[in-house]
């Protein structure tokens, strides 16, 4: 099942439908079991997708996880982050590595706890 998912997601990426591909891959990751052989390819493809959806300079208007925010005078990232409420418990670490082409790639993403059902600003 997951190999078909990866194939479909690659087709969506090639067709420029990055949000659809990421959504399907994310669903596959949420239902995966530790040691599933297709988890690394799924994570690699999601990392490729996120180079555009997360790390590119352009805003993707229909991205449910994206958005824009103008930092106001006197604000700090700490103040901005604490104003968002997330209905989840757990911890996570994401490690990024700058690539030779000056983009960023996730090299490690560890999460303990349950994923948040939604993020409210």
PDB file of N, CA and C in Angstrom:
ATOM      1  N   UNK A   1       0.825  -1.194   0.000  1.00  0.00           N
ATOM      2  CA  UNK A   1       0.000   0.000   0.000  1.00  0.00           C
ATOM      3  C   UNK A   1       0.867   1.256   0.000  1.00  0.00           C
ATOM      4  N   UNK A   2       1.909   1.285   0.861  1.00  0.00           N
ATOM      5  CA  UNK A   2       2.698   2.509   0.946  1.00  0.00           C
ATOM      6  C   UNK A   2       3.532   2.726  -0.310  1.00  0.00           C
ATOM      7  N   UNK A   3       3.949   1.638  -0.999  1.00  0.00           N
ATOM      8  CA  UNK A   3       4.719   1.859  -2.219  1.00  0.00           C
ATOM      9  C   UNK A   3       3.853   2.541  -3.275  1.00  0.00           C
ATOM     10  N   UNK A   4       2.584   2.183  -3.340  1.00  0.00           N
ATOM     11  CA  UNK A   4       1.660   2.856  -4.259  1.00  0.00           C
ATOM     12  C   UNK A   4       1.497   4.315  -3.861  1.00  0.00           C
ATOM     13  N   UNK A   5       1.508   4.558  -2.568  1.00  0.00           N
ATOM     14  CA  UNK A   5       1.383   5.926  -2.057  1.00  0.00           C
ATOM     15  C   UNK A   5       2.577   6.774  -2.493  1.00  0.00           C
ATOM     16  N   UNK A   6       3.782   6.228  -2.362  1.00  0.00           N
ATOM     17  CA  UNK A   6       4.988   6.958  -2.758  1.00  0.00           C
ATOM     18  C   UNK A   6       4.969   7.229  -4.260  1.00  0.00           C
ATOM     19  N   UNK A   7       4.590   6.232  -5.033  1.00  0.00           N
ATOM     20  CA  UNK A   7       4.518   6.409  -6.489  1.00  0.00           C
ATOM     21  C   UNK A   7       3.515   7.506  -6.844  1.00  0.00           C
ATOM     22  N   UNK A   8       2.329   7.452  -6.232  1.00  0.00           N
ATOM     23  CA  UNK A   8       1.301   8.464  -6.495  1.00  0.00           C
ATOM     24  C   UNK A   8       1.803   9.848  -6.108  1.00  0.00           C
ATOM     25  N   UNK A   9       2.452   9.943  -4.943  1.00  0.00           N
ATOM     26  CA  UNK A   9       2.946  11.239  -4.470  1.00  0.00           C
ATOM     27  C   UNK A   9       4.003  11.797  -5.421  1.00  0.00           C
ATOM     28  N   UNK A  10       4.871  10.956  -5.931  1.00  0.00           N
ATOM     29  CA  UNK A  10       5.878  11.418  -6.898  1.00  0.00           C
ATOM     30  C   UNK A  10       5.211  11.959  -8.160  1.00  0.00           C
ATOM     31  N   UNK A  11       4.142  11.289  -8.598  1.00  0.00           N
ATOM     32  CA  UNK A  11       3.402  11.771  -9.759  1.00  0.00           C
ATOM     33  C   UNK A  11       2.791  13.139  -9.472  1.00  0.00           C
ATOM     34  N   UNK A  12       2.272  13.328  -8.261  1.00  0.00           N
ATOM     35  CA  UNK A  12       1.688  14.620  -7.885  1.00  0.00           C
ATOM     36  C   UNK A  12       2.767  15.701  -7.844  1.00  0.00           C
ATOM     37  N   UNK A  13       3.937  15.363  -7.309  1.00  0.00           N
ATOM     38  CA  UNK A  13       5.044  16.326  -7.275  1.00  0.00           C
ATOM     39  C   UNK A  13       5.411  16.730  -8.697  1.00  0.00           C
ATOM     40  N   UNK A  14       5.542  15.736  -9.583  1.00  0.00           N
ATOM     41  CA  UNK A  14       5.880  16.030 -10.981  1.00  0.00           C
ATOM     42  C   UNK A  14       4.824  16.897 -11.654  1.00  0.00           C
ATOM     43  N   UNK A  15       3.573  16.764 -11.205  1.00  0.00           N
ATOM     44  CA  UNK A  15       2.476  17.562 -11.775  1.00  0.00           C
ATOM     45  C   UNK A  15       2.324  18.907 -11.067  1.00  0.00           C
ATOM     46  N   UNK A  16       3.189  19.178 -10.086  1.00  0.00           N
ATOM     47  CA  UNK A  16       3.122  20.448  -9.368  1.00  0.00           C
ATOM     48  C   UNK A  16       2.089  20.491  -8.255  1.00  0.00           C
ATOM     49  N   UNK A  17       1.533  19.353  -7.882  1.00  0.00           N
ATOM     50  CA  UNK A  17       0.507  19.286  -6.830  1.00  0.00           C
ATOM     51  C   UNK A  17       1.164  18.897  -5.503  1.00  0.00           C
ATOM     52  N   UNK A  18       1.991  19.790  -5.002  1.00  0.00           N
ATOM     53  CA  UNK A  18       2.783  19.506  -3.808  1.00  0.00           C
ATOM     54  C   UNK A  18       1.939  19.339  -2.555  1.00  0.00           C
ATOM     55  N   UNK A  19       0.886  20.137  -2.415  1.00  0.00           N
ATOM     56  CA  UNK A  19       0.034  20.028  -1.226  1.00  0.00           C
ATOM     57  C   UNK A  19      -0.675  18.678  -1.168  1.00  0.00           C
ATOM     58  N   UNK A  20      -1.151  18.202  -2.308  1.00  0.00           N
ATOM     59  CA  UNK A  20      -1.810  16.893  -2.347  1.00  0.00           C
ATOM     60  C   UNK A  20      -0.825  15.787  -1.994  1.00  0.00           C
ATOM     61  N   UNK A  21       0.374  15.876  -2.557  1.00  0.00           N
ATOM     62  CA  UNK A  21       1.394  14.863  -2.288  1.00  0.00           C
ATOM     63  C   UNK A  21       1.767  14.855  -0.809  1.00  0.00           C
ATOM     64  N   UNK A  22       1.989  16.033  -0.238  1.00  0.00           N
ATOM     65  CA  UNK A  22       2.373  16.095   1.168  1.00  0.00           C
ATOM     66  C   UNK A  22       1.270  15.551   2.073  1.00  0.00           C
ATOM     67  N   UNK A  23       0.024  15.871   1.774  1.00  0.00           N
ATOM     68  CA  UNK A  23      -1.089  15.388   2.589  1.00  0.00           C
ATOM     69  C   UNK A  23      -1.150  13.865   2.589  1.00  0.00           C
ATOM     70  N   UNK A  24      -1.018  13.257   1.425  1.00  0.00           N
ATOM     71  CA  UNK A  24      -1.077  11.790   1.337  1.00  0.00           C
ATOM     72  C   UNK A  24       0.117  11.160   2.048  1.00  0.00           C
ATOM     73  N   UNK A  25       1.304  11.739   1.864  1.00  0.00           N
ATOM     74  CA  UNK A  25       2.494  11.196   2.533  1.00  0.00           C
ATOM     75  C   UNK A  25       2.381  11.342   4.045  1.00  0.00           C
ATOM     76  N   UNK A  26       1.856  12.464   4.489  1.00  0.00           N
ATOM     77  CA  UNK A  26       1.689  12.667   5.918  1.00  0.00           C
ATOM     78  C   UNK A  26       0.723  11.635   6.500  1.00  0.00           C
ATOM     79  N   UNK A  27      -0.356  11.350   5.801  1.00  0.00           N
ATOM     80  CA  UNK A  27      -1.296  10.315   6.244  1.00  0.00           C
ATOM     81  C   UNK A  27      -0.603   8.962   6.333  1.00  0.00           C
ATOM     82  N   UNK A  28       0.226   8.663   5.347  1.00  0.00           N
ATOM     83  CA  UNK A  28       0.948   7.381   5.355  1.00  0.00           C
ATOM     84  C   UNK A  28       1.903   7.305   6.537  1.00  0.00           C
ATOM     85  N   UNK A  29       2.573   8.404   6.849  1.00  0.00           N
ATOM     86  CA  UNK A  29       3.480   8.403   7.998  1.00  0.00           C
ATOM     87  C   UNK A  29       2.722   8.223   9.309  1.00  0.00           C
ATOM     88  N   UNK A  30       1.556   8.848   9.413  1.00  0.00           N
ATOM     89  CA  UNK A  30       0.768   8.747  10.631  1.00  0.00           C
ATOM     90  C   UNK A  30       0.300   7.319  10.899  1.00  0.00           C
ATOM     91  N   UNK A  31       0.114   6.537   9.843  1.00  0.00           N
ATOM     92  CA  UNK A  31      -0.353   5.159  10.013  1.00  0.00           C
ATOM     93  C   UNK A  31       0.769   4.136   9.927  1.00  0.00           C
ATOM     94  N   UNK A  32       2.002   4.598   9.748  1.00  0.00           N
ATOM     95  CA  UNK A  32       3.128   3.662   9.620  1.00  0.00           C
ATOM     96  C   UNK A  32       3.492   3.065  10.970  1.00  0.00           C
ATOM     97  N   UNK A  33       4.187   1.970  10.912  1.00  0.00           N
ATOM     98  CA  UNK A  33       4.676   1.286  12.102  1.00  0.00           C
ATOM     99  C   UNK A  33       6.196   1.426  12.143  1.00  0.00           C
ATOM    100  N   UNK A  34       6.794   1.410  13.339  1.00  0.00           N
ATOM    101  CA  UNK A  34       8.259   1.471  13.423  1.00  0.00           C
ATOM    102  C   UNK A  34       8.889   0.362  12.575  1.00  0.00           C
ATOM    103  N   UNK A  35       9.874   0.740  11.809  1.00  0.00           N
ATOM    104  CA  UNK A  35      10.576  -0.230  10.971  1.00  0.00           C
ATOM    105  C   UNK A  35       9.990  -0.410   9.587  1.00  0.00           C
ATOM    106  N   UNK A  36       8.855   0.259   9.262  1.00  0.00           N
ATOM    107  CA  UNK A  36       8.309   0.158   7.908  1.00  0.00           C
ATOM    108  C   UNK A  36       9.376   0.588   6.910  1.00  0.00           C
ATOM    109  N   UNK A  37       9.592  -0.224   5.903  1.00  0.00           N
ATOM    110  CA  UNK A  37      10.693   0.033   4.962  1.00  0.00           C
ATOM    111  C   UNK A  37      10.476   1.265   4.096  1.00  0.00           C
ATOM    112  N   UNK A  38       9.254   1.708   3.940  1.00  0.00           N
ATOM    113  CA  UNK A  38       9.012   2.871   3.076  1.00  0.00           C
ATOM    114  C   UNK A  38       8.973   4.184   3.833  1.00  0.00           C
ATOM    115  N   UNK A  39       9.183   4.144   5.152  1.00  0.00           N
ATOM    116  CA  UNK A  39       9.214   5.401   5.893  1.00  0.00           C
ATOM    117  C   UNK A  39      10.368   6.289   5.414  1.00  0.00           C
ATOM    118  N   UNK A  40      11.591   5.776   5.264  1.00  0.00           N
ATOM    119  CA  UNK A  40      12.667   6.663   4.776  1.00  0.00           C
ATOM    120  C   UNK A  40      12.378   7.284   3.405  1.00  0.00           C
ATOM    121  N   UNK A  41      11.869   6.528   2.404  1.00  0.00           N
ATOM    122  CA  UNK A  41      11.537   7.193   1.134  1.00  0.00           C
ATOM    123  C   UNK A  41      10.439   8.240   1.273  1.00  0.00           C
ATOM    124  N   UNK A  42       9.462   7.982   2.139  1.00  0.00           N
ATOM    125  CA  UNK A  42       8.396   8.963   2.355  1.00  0.00           C
ATOM    126  C   UNK A  42       8.980  10.224   2.975  1.00  0.00           C
ATOM    127  N   UNK A  43       9.820  10.059   3.990  1.00  0.00           N
ATOM    128  CA  UNK A  43      10.434  11.223   4.637  1.00  0.00           C
ATOM    129  C   UNK A  43      11.312  11.991   3.654  1.00  0.00           C
ATOM    130  N   UNK A  44      12.031  11.278   2.796  1.00  0.00           N
ATOM    131  CA  UNK A  44      12.885  11.950   1.811  1.00  0.00           C
ATOM    132  C   UNK A  44      12.052  12.757   0.823  1.00  0.00           C
ATOM    133  N   UNK A  45      10.939  12.188   0.367  1.00  0.00           N
ATOM    134  CA  UNK A  45      10.080  12.906  -0.571  1.00  0.00           C
ATOM    135  C   UNK A  45       9.409  14.100   0.108  1.00  0.00           C
ATOM    136  N   UNK A  46       9.003  13.924   1.368  1.00  0.00           N
ATOM    137  CA  UNK A  46       8.420  15.064   2.098  1.00  0.00           C
ATOM    138  C   UNK A  46       9.455  16.169   2.287  1.00  0.00           C
ATOM    139  N   UNK A  47      10.694  15.794   2.530  1.00  0.00           N
ATOM    140  CA  UNK A  47      11.744  16.801   2.657  1.00  0.00           C
ATOM    141  C   UNK A  47      11.916  17.575   1.352  1.00  0.00           C
ATOM    142  N   UNK A  48      11.860  16.860   0.251  1.00  0.00           N
ATOM    143  CA  UNK A  48      11.958  17.508  -1.068  1.00  0.00           C
ATOM    144  C   UNK A  48      10.781  18.466  -1.281  1.00  0.00           C
ATOM    145  N   UNK A  49       9.590  18.020  -0.938  1.00  0.00           N
ATOM    146  CA  UNK A  49       8.396  18.849  -1.094  1.00  0.00           C
ATOM    147  C   UNK A  49       8.502  20.095  -0.222  1.00  0.00           C
ATOM    148  N   UNK A  50       8.969  19.921   1.005  1.00  0.00           N
ATOM    149  CA  UNK A  50       9.045  21.042   1.934  1.00  0.00           C
ATOM    150  C   UNK A  50      10.105  22.070   1.560  1.00  0.00           C
ATOM    151  N   UNK A  51      11.030  21.710   0.692  1.00  0.00           N
ATOM    152  CA  UNK A  51      11.973  22.718   0.201  1.00  0.00           C
ATOM    153  C   UNK A  51      11.203  23.850  -0.472  1.00  0.00           C
ATOM    154  N   UNK A  52      10.093  23.521  -1.108  1.00  0.00           N
ATOM    155  CA  UNK A  52       9.261  24.534  -1.753  1.00  0.00           C
ATOM    156  C   UNK A  52       8.180  25.052  -0.813  1.00  0.00           C
ATOM    157  N   UNK A  53       7.464  24.146  -0.140  1.00  0.00           N
ATOM    158  CA  UNK A  53       6.322  24.579   0.660  1.00  0.00           C
ATOM    159  C   UNK A  53       6.719  25.304   1.935  1.00  0.00           C
ATOM    160  N   UNK A  54       7.835  24.927   2.533  1.00  0.00           N
ATOM    161  CA  UNK A  54       8.219  25.499   3.822  1.00  0.00           C
ATOM    162  C   UNK A  54       9.378  26.480   3.697  1.00  0.00           C
ATOM    163  N   UNK A  55      10.402  26.118   2.942  1.00  0.00           N
ATOM    164  CA  UNK A  55      11.635  26.890   2.966  1.00  0.00           C
ATOM    165  C   UNK A  55      11.814  27.855   1.808  1.00  0.00           C
ATOM    166  N   UNK A  56      10.942  27.821   0.815  1.00  0.00           N
ATOM    167  CA  UNK A  56      11.075  28.754  -0.303  1.00  0.00           C
ATOM    168  C   UNK A  56      10.582  30.129   0.127  1.00  0.00           C
ATOM    169  N   UNK A  57      11.007  31.127  -0.579  1.00  0.00           N
ATOM    170  CA  UNK A  57      10.639  32.502  -0.239  1.00  0.00           C
ATOM    171  C   UNK A  57       9.190  32.828  -0.585  1.00  0.00           C
ATOM    172  N   UNK A  58       8.614  32.134  -1.572  1.00  0.00           N
ATOM    173  CA  UNK A  58       7.251  32.453  -1.972  1.00  0.00           C
ATOM    174  C   UNK A  58       6.241  31.813  -1.022  1.00  0.00           C
ATOM    175  N   UNK A  59       5.126  32.484  -0.836  1.00  0.00           N
ATOM    176  CA  UNK A  59       4.036  32.005   0.011  1.00  0.00           C
ATOM    177  C   UNK A  59       3.136  31.096  -0.812  1.00  0.00           C
ATOM    178  N   UNK A  60       2.725  29.980  -0.231  1.00  0.00           N
ATOM    179  CA  UNK A  60       1.799  29.052  -0.887  1.00  0.00           C
ATOM    180  C   UNK A  60       0.425  29.278  -0.244  1.00  0.00           C
ATOM    181  N   UNK A  61      -0.460  30.013  -0.924  1.00  0.00           N
ATOM    182  CA  UNK A  61      -1.702  30.462  -0.306  1.00  0.00           C
ATOM    183  C   UNK A  61      -2.614  29.360   0.230  1.00  0.00           C
ATOM    184  N   UNK A  62      -2.676  28.216  -0.417  1.00  0.00           N
ATOM    185  CA  UNK A  62      -3.608  27.168  -0.005  1.00  0.00           C
ATOM    186  C   UNK A  62      -3.011  26.185   1.002  1.00  0.00           C
ATOM    187  N   UNK A  63      -1.792  26.433   1.445  1.00  0.00           N
ATOM    188  CA  UNK A  63      -1.131  25.522   2.379  1.00  0.00           C
ATOM    189  C   UNK A  63      -1.791  25.641   3.755  1.00  0.00           C
ATOM    190  N   UNK A  64      -2.418  24.562   4.253  1.00  0.00           N
ATOM    191  CA  UNK A  64      -3.080  24.654   5.552  1.00  0.00           C
ATOM    192  C   UNK A  64      -2.106  24.853   6.712  1.00  0.00           C
ATOM    193  N   UNK A  65      -0.837  24.566   6.496  1.00  0.00           N
ATOM    194  CA  UNK A  65       0.161  24.738   7.549  1.00  0.00           C
ATOM    195  C   UNK A  65       0.977  26.005   7.365  1.00  0.00           C
ATOM    196  N   UNK A  66       0.711  26.740   6.329  1.00  0.00           N
ATOM    197  CA  UNK A  66       1.479  27.940   6.038  1.00  0.00           C
ATOM    198  C   UNK A  66       0.717  29.192   6.384  1.00  0.00           C
ATOM    199  N   UNK A  67       1.354  30.277   6.149  1.00  0.00           N
ATOM    200  CA  UNK A  67       0.721  31.560   6.400  1.00  0.00           C
ATOM    201  C   UNK A  67       1.773  32.644   6.411  1.00  0.00           C
ATOM    202  N   UNK A  68       1.328  33.845   6.602  1.00  0.00           N
ATOM    203  CA  UNK A  68       2.262  34.952   6.702  1.00  0.00           C
ATOM    204  C   UNK A  68       1.975  35.699   7.992  1.00  0.00           C
ATOM    205  N   UNK A  69       2.999  36.298   8.505  1.00  0.00           N
ATOM    206  CA  UNK A  69       2.864  37.089   9.713  1.00  0.00           C
ATOM    207  C   UNK A  69       3.897  38.201   9.644  1.00  0.00           C
ATOM    208  N   UNK A  70       3.476  39.407   9.895  1.00  0.00           N
ATOM    209  CA  UNK A  70       4.384  40.553   9.905  1.00  0.00           C
ATOM    210  C   UNK A  70       4.774  40.819  11.356  1.00  0.00           C
ATOM    211  N   UNK A  71       6.050  40.710  11.638  1.00  0.00           N
ATOM    212  CA  UNK A  71       6.542  40.947  12.991  1.00  0.00           C
ATOM    213  C   UNK A  71       6.401  42.437  13.296  1.00  0.00           C
ATOM    214  N   UNK A  72       5.747  42.712  14.406  1.00  0.00           N
ATOM    215  CA  UNK A  72       5.507  44.089  14.811  1.00  0.00           C
ATOM    216  C   UNK A  72       6.686  44.610  15.632  1.00  0.00           C
ATOM    217  N   UNK A  73       6.890  45.927  15.646  1.00  0.00           N
ATOM    218  CA  UNK A  73       7.975  46.486  16.446  1.00  0.00           C
ATOM    219  C   UNK A  73       7.853  46.054  17.911  1.00  0.00           C
ATOM    220  N   UNK A  74       8.947  45.602  18.468  1.00  0.00           N
ATOM    221  CA  UNK A  74       8.985  45.173  19.861  1.00  0.00           C
ATOM    222  C   UNK A  74       8.657  43.707  20.076  1.00  0.00           C
ATOM    223  N   UNK A  75       8.193  43.011  19.042  1.00  0.00           N
ATOM    224  CA  UNK A  75       7.893  41.590  19.186  1.00  0.00           C
ATOM    225  C   UNK A  75       9.161  40.765  19.051  1.00  0.00           C
ATOM    226  N   UNK A  76       9.123  39.599  19.655  1.00  0.00           N
ATOM    227  CA  UNK A  76      10.217  38.640  19.502  1.00  0.00           C
ATOM    228  C   UNK A  76       9.608  37.309  19.085  1.00  0.00           C
ATOM    229  N   UNK A  77      10.437  36.400  18.599  1.00  0.00           N
ATOM    230  CA  UNK A  77       9.922  35.096  18.204  1.00  0.00           C
ATOM    231  C   UNK A  77       9.313  34.362  19.392  1.00  0.00           C
ATOM    232  N   UNK A  78       9.860  34.573  20.569  1.00  0.00           N
ATOM    233  CA  UNK A  78       9.315  33.930  21.760  1.00  0.00           C
ATOM    234  C   UNK A  78       7.895  34.414  22.029  1.00  0.00           C
ATOM    235  N   UNK A  79       7.665  35.723  21.945  1.00  0.00           N
ATOM    236  CA  UNK A  79       6.319  36.259  22.166  1.00  0.00           C
ATOM    237  C   UNK A  79       5.340  35.750  21.111  1.00  0.00           C
ATOM    238  N   UNK A  80       5.785  35.692  19.874  1.00  0.00           N
ATOM    239  CA  UNK A  80       4.917  35.231  18.790  1.00  0.00           C
ATOM    240  C   UNK A  80       4.570  33.761  18.995  1.00  0.00           C
ATOM    241  N   UNK A  81       5.560  32.949  19.316  1.00  0.00           N
ATOM    242  CA  UNK A  81       5.334  31.506  19.479  1.00  0.00           C
ATOM    243  C   UNK A  81       4.429  31.204  20.663  1.00  0.00           C
ATOM    244  N   UNK A  82       4.578  31.936  21.750  1.00  0.00           N
ATOM    245  CA  UNK A  82       3.755  31.646  22.917  1.00  0.00           C
ATOM    246  C   UNK A  82       2.314  32.115  22.737  1.00  0.00           C
ATOM    247  N   UNK A  83       2.047  32.954  21.732  1.00  0.00           N
ATOM    248  CA  UNK A  83       0.670  33.390  21.495  1.00  0.00           C
ATOM    249  C   UNK A  83      -0.136  32.338  20.735  1.00  0.00           C
ATOM    250  N   UNK A  84       0.522  31.365  20.127  1.00  0.00           N
ATOM    251  CA  UNK A  84      -0.179  30.294  19.416  1.00  0.00           C
ATOM    252  C   UNK A  84      -0.493  29.170  20.394  1.00  0.00           C
ATOM    253  N   UNK A  85      -1.726  28.687  20.335  1.00  0.00           N
ATOM    254  CA  UNK A  85      -2.089  27.576  21.208  1.00  0.00           C
ATOM    255  C   UNK A  85      -2.114  26.292  20.391  1.00  0.00           C
ATOM    256  N   UNK A  86      -1.490  25.273  20.920  1.00  0.00           N
ATOM    257  CA  UNK A  86      -1.427  23.981  20.241  1.00  0.00           C
ATOM    258  C   UNK A  86      -2.021  22.940  21.179  1.00  0.00           C
ATOM    259  N   UNK A  87      -3.027  22.232  20.703  1.00  0.00           N
ATOM    260  CA  UNK A  87      -3.698  21.229  21.525  1.00  0.00           C
ATOM    261  C   UNK A  87      -2.987  19.883  21.404  1.00  0.00           C
ATOM    262  N   UNK A  88      -1.779  19.810  21.947  1.00  0.00           N
ATOM    263  CA  UNK A  88      -1.009  18.577  21.878  1.00  0.00           C
ATOM    264  C   UNK A  88       0.000  18.576  23.008  1.00  0.00           C
ATOM    265  N   UNK A  89       0.428  17.399  23.386  1.00  0.00           N
ATOM    266  CA  UNK A  89       1.480  17.287  24.378  1.00  0.00           C
ATOM    267  C   UNK A  89       2.587  16.435  23.803  1.00  0.00           C
ATOM    268  N   UNK A  90       3.802  16.744  24.179  1.00  0.00           N
ATOM    269  CA  UNK A  90       4.940  15.985  23.704  1.00  0.00           C
ATOM    270  C   UNK A  90       6.094  16.918  23.410  1.00  0.00           C
ATOM    271  N   UNK A  91       7.095  16.380  22.812  1.00  0.00           N
ATOM    272  CA  UNK A  91       8.291  17.151  22.473  1.00  0.00           C
ATOM    273  C   UNK A  91       8.729  16.793  21.065  1.00  0.00           C
ATOM    274  N   UNK A  92       9.451  17.713  20.437  1.00  0.00           N
ATOM    275  CA  UNK A  92      10.005  17.397  19.135  1.00  0.00           C
ATOM    276  C   UNK A  92      11.321  18.120  18.931  1.00  0.00           C
ATOM    277  N   UNK A  93      12.105  17.559  18.046  1.00  0.00           N
ATOM    278  CA  UNK A  93      13.362  18.170  17.635  1.00  0.00           C
ATOM    279  C   UNK A  93      13.436  18.032  16.123  1.00  0.00           C
ATOM    280  N   UNK A  94      13.742  19.124  15.452  1.00  0.00           N
ATOM    281  CA  UNK A  94      13.960  19.093  14.012  1.00  0.00           C
ATOM    282  C   UNK A  94      15.357  19.661  13.773  1.00  0.00           C
ATOM    283  N   UNK A  95      16.171  18.905  13.075  1.00  0.00           N
ATOM    284  CA  UNK A  95      17.522  19.367  12.752  1.00  0.00           C
ATOM    285  C   UNK A  95      17.590  19.585  11.251  1.00  0.00           C
ATOM    286  N   UNK A  96      18.004  20.787  10.872  1.00  0.00           N
ATOM    287  CA  UNK A  96      18.129  21.169   9.472  1.00  0.00           C
ATOM    288  C   UNK A  96      19.610  21.266   9.108  1.00  0.00           C
ATOM    289  N   UNK A  97      19.911  21.016   7.855  1.00  0.00           N
ATOM    290  CA  UNK A  97      21.284  21.164   7.365  1.00  0.00           C
ATOM    291  C   UNK A  97      21.240  21.978   6.078  1.00  0.00           C
ATOM    292  N   UNK A  98      22.071  23.011   6.039  1.00  0.00           N
ATOM    293  CA  UNK A  98      22.149  23.820   4.825  1.00  0.00           C
ATOM    294  C   UNK A  98      22.793  22.984   3.722  1.00  0.00           C
ATOM    295  N   UNK A  99      22.174  22.991   2.559  1.00  0.00           N
ATOM    296  CA  UNK A  99      22.653  22.219   1.424  1.00  0.00           C
ATOM    297  C   UNK A  99      23.588  23.073   0.560  1.00  0.00           C
ATOM    298  N   UNK A 100      24.386  22.431  -0.285  1.00  0.00           N
ATOM    299  CA  UNK A 100      25.314  23.184  -1.143  1.00  0.00           C
ATOM    300  C   UNK A 100      24.627  24.227  -2.027  1.00  0.00           C
ATOM    301  N   UNK A 101      23.344  24.003  -2.380  1.00  0.00           N
ATOM    302  CA  UNK A 101      22.629  24.971  -3.214  1.00  0.00           C
ATOM    303  C   UNK A 101      21.923  26.046  -2.385  1.00  0.00           C
ATOM    304  N   UNK A 102      22.298  26.154  -1.102  1.00  0.00           N
ATOM    305  CA  UNK A 102      21.808  27.177  -0.182  1.00  0.00           C
ATOM    306  C   UNK A 102      20.352  26.981   0.240  1.00  0.00           C
ATOM    307  N   UNK A 103      19.832  25.774   0.100  1.00  0.00           N
ATOM    308  CA  UNK A 103      18.514  25.449   0.640  1.00  0.00           C
ATOM    309  C   UNK A 103      18.723  24.686   1.939  1.00  0.00           C
ATOM    310  N   UNK A 104      17.641  24.498   2.682  1.00  0.00           N
ATOM    311  CA  UNK A 104      17.707  23.768   3.945  1.00  0.00           C
ATOM    312  C   UNK A 104      16.960  22.455   3.803  1.00  0.00           C
ATOM    313  N   UNK A 105      17.506  21.403   4.393  1.00  0.00           N
ATOM    314  CA  UNK A 105      16.874  20.103   4.345  1.00  0.00           C
ATOM    315  C   UNK A 105      16.786  19.530   5.754  1.00  0.00           C
ATOM    316  N   UNK A 106      15.647  18.913   6.053  1.00  0.00           N
ATOM    317  CA  UNK A 106      15.511  18.244   7.347  1.00  0.00           C
ATOM    318  C   UNK A 106      16.365  16.984   7.306  1.00  0.00           C
ATOM    319  N   UNK A 107      17.256  16.868   8.287  1.00  0.00           N
ATOM    320  CA  UNK A 107      18.077  15.666   8.367  1.00  0.00           C
ATOM    321  C   UNK A 107      17.622  14.764   9.509  1.00  0.00           C
ATOM    322  N   UNK A 108      16.884  15.321  10.465  1.00  0.00           N
ATOM    323  CA  UNK A 108      16.354  14.518  11.559  1.00  0.00           C
ATOM    324  C   UNK A 108      15.117  15.194  12.113  1.00  0.00           C
ATOM    325  N   UNK A 109      14.062  14.405  12.285  1.00  0.00           N
ATOM    326  CA  UNK A 109      12.818  14.917  12.864  1.00  0.00           C
ATOM    327  C   UNK A 109      12.338  13.872  13.857  1.00  0.00           C
ATOM    328  N   UNK A 110      12.354  14.220  15.125  1.00  0.00           N
ATOM    329  CA  UNK A 110      11.947  13.291  16.180  1.00  0.00           C
ATOM    330  C   UNK A 110      10.782  13.914  16.932  1.00  0.00           C
ATOM    331  N   UNK A 111       9.727  13.143  17.130  1.00  0.00           N
ATOM    332  CA  UNK A 111       8.543  13.636  17.810  1.00  0.00           C
ATOM    333  C   UNK A 111       8.105  12.591  18.824  1.00  0.00           C
ATOM    334  N   UNK A 112       7.833  13.032  20.039  1.00  0.00           N
ATOM    335  CA  UNK A 112       7.220  12.157  21.031  1.00  0.00           C
ATOM    336  C   UNK A 112       5.881  12.759  21.398  1.00  0.00           C
ATOM    337  N   UNK A 113       4.905  11.950  21.627  1.00  0.00           N
ATOM    338  CA  UNK A 113       3.585  12.444  21.943  1.00  0.00           C
ATOM    339  C   UNK A 113       2.655  12.289  20.771  1.00  0.00           C
ATOM    340  N   UNK A 114       1.518  12.941  20.842  1.00  0.00           N
ATOM    341  CA  UNK A 114       0.525  12.841  19.785  1.00  0.00           C
ATOM    342  C   UNK A 114       0.575  14.091  18.923  1.00  0.00           C
ATOM    343  N   UNK A 115       0.378  13.936  17.601  1.00  0.00           N
ATOM    344  CA  UNK A 115       0.339  15.108  16.724  1.00  0.00           C
ATOM    345  C   UNK A 115      -0.832  16.011  17.094  1.00  0.00           C
ATOM    346  N   UNK A 116      -0.660  17.320  16.952  1.00  0.00           N
ATOM    347  CA  UNK A 116      -1.776  18.219  17.261  1.00  0.00           C
ATOM    348  C   UNK A 116      -2.887  18.071  16.230  1.00  0.00           C
ATOM    349  N   UNK A 117      -4.155  18.098  16.672  1.00  0.00           N
ATOM    350  CA  UNK A 117      -5.252  18.012  15.712  1.00  0.00           C
ATOM    351  C   UNK A 117      -5.346  19.279  14.869  1.00  0.00           C
ATOM    352  N   UNK A 118      -4.982  20.431  15.444  1.00  0.00           N
ATOM    353  CA  UNK A 118      -4.983  21.686  14.700  1.00  0.00           C
ATOM    354  C   UNK A 118      -4.200  22.719  15.495  1.00  0.00           C
ATOM    355  N   UNK A 119      -3.772  23.724  14.798  1.00  0.00           N
ATOM    356  CA  UNK A 119      -3.058  24.823  15.439  1.00  0.00           C
ATOM    357  C   UNK A 119      -3.940  26.057  15.367  1.00  0.00           C
ATOM    358  N   UNK A 120      -4.180  26.702  16.477  1.00  0.00           N
ATOM    359  CA  UNK A 120      -5.026  27.892  16.523  1.00  0.00           C
ATOM    360  C   UNK A 120      -4.184  29.110  16.839  1.00  0.00           C
ATOM    361  N   UNK A 121      -4.321  30.142  16.021  1.00  0.00           N
ATOM    362  CA  UNK A 121      -3.591  31.402  16.281  1.00  0.00           C
ATOM    363  C   UNK A 121      -4.542  32.406  16.883  1.00  0.00           C
TER     364      UNK A 121
END
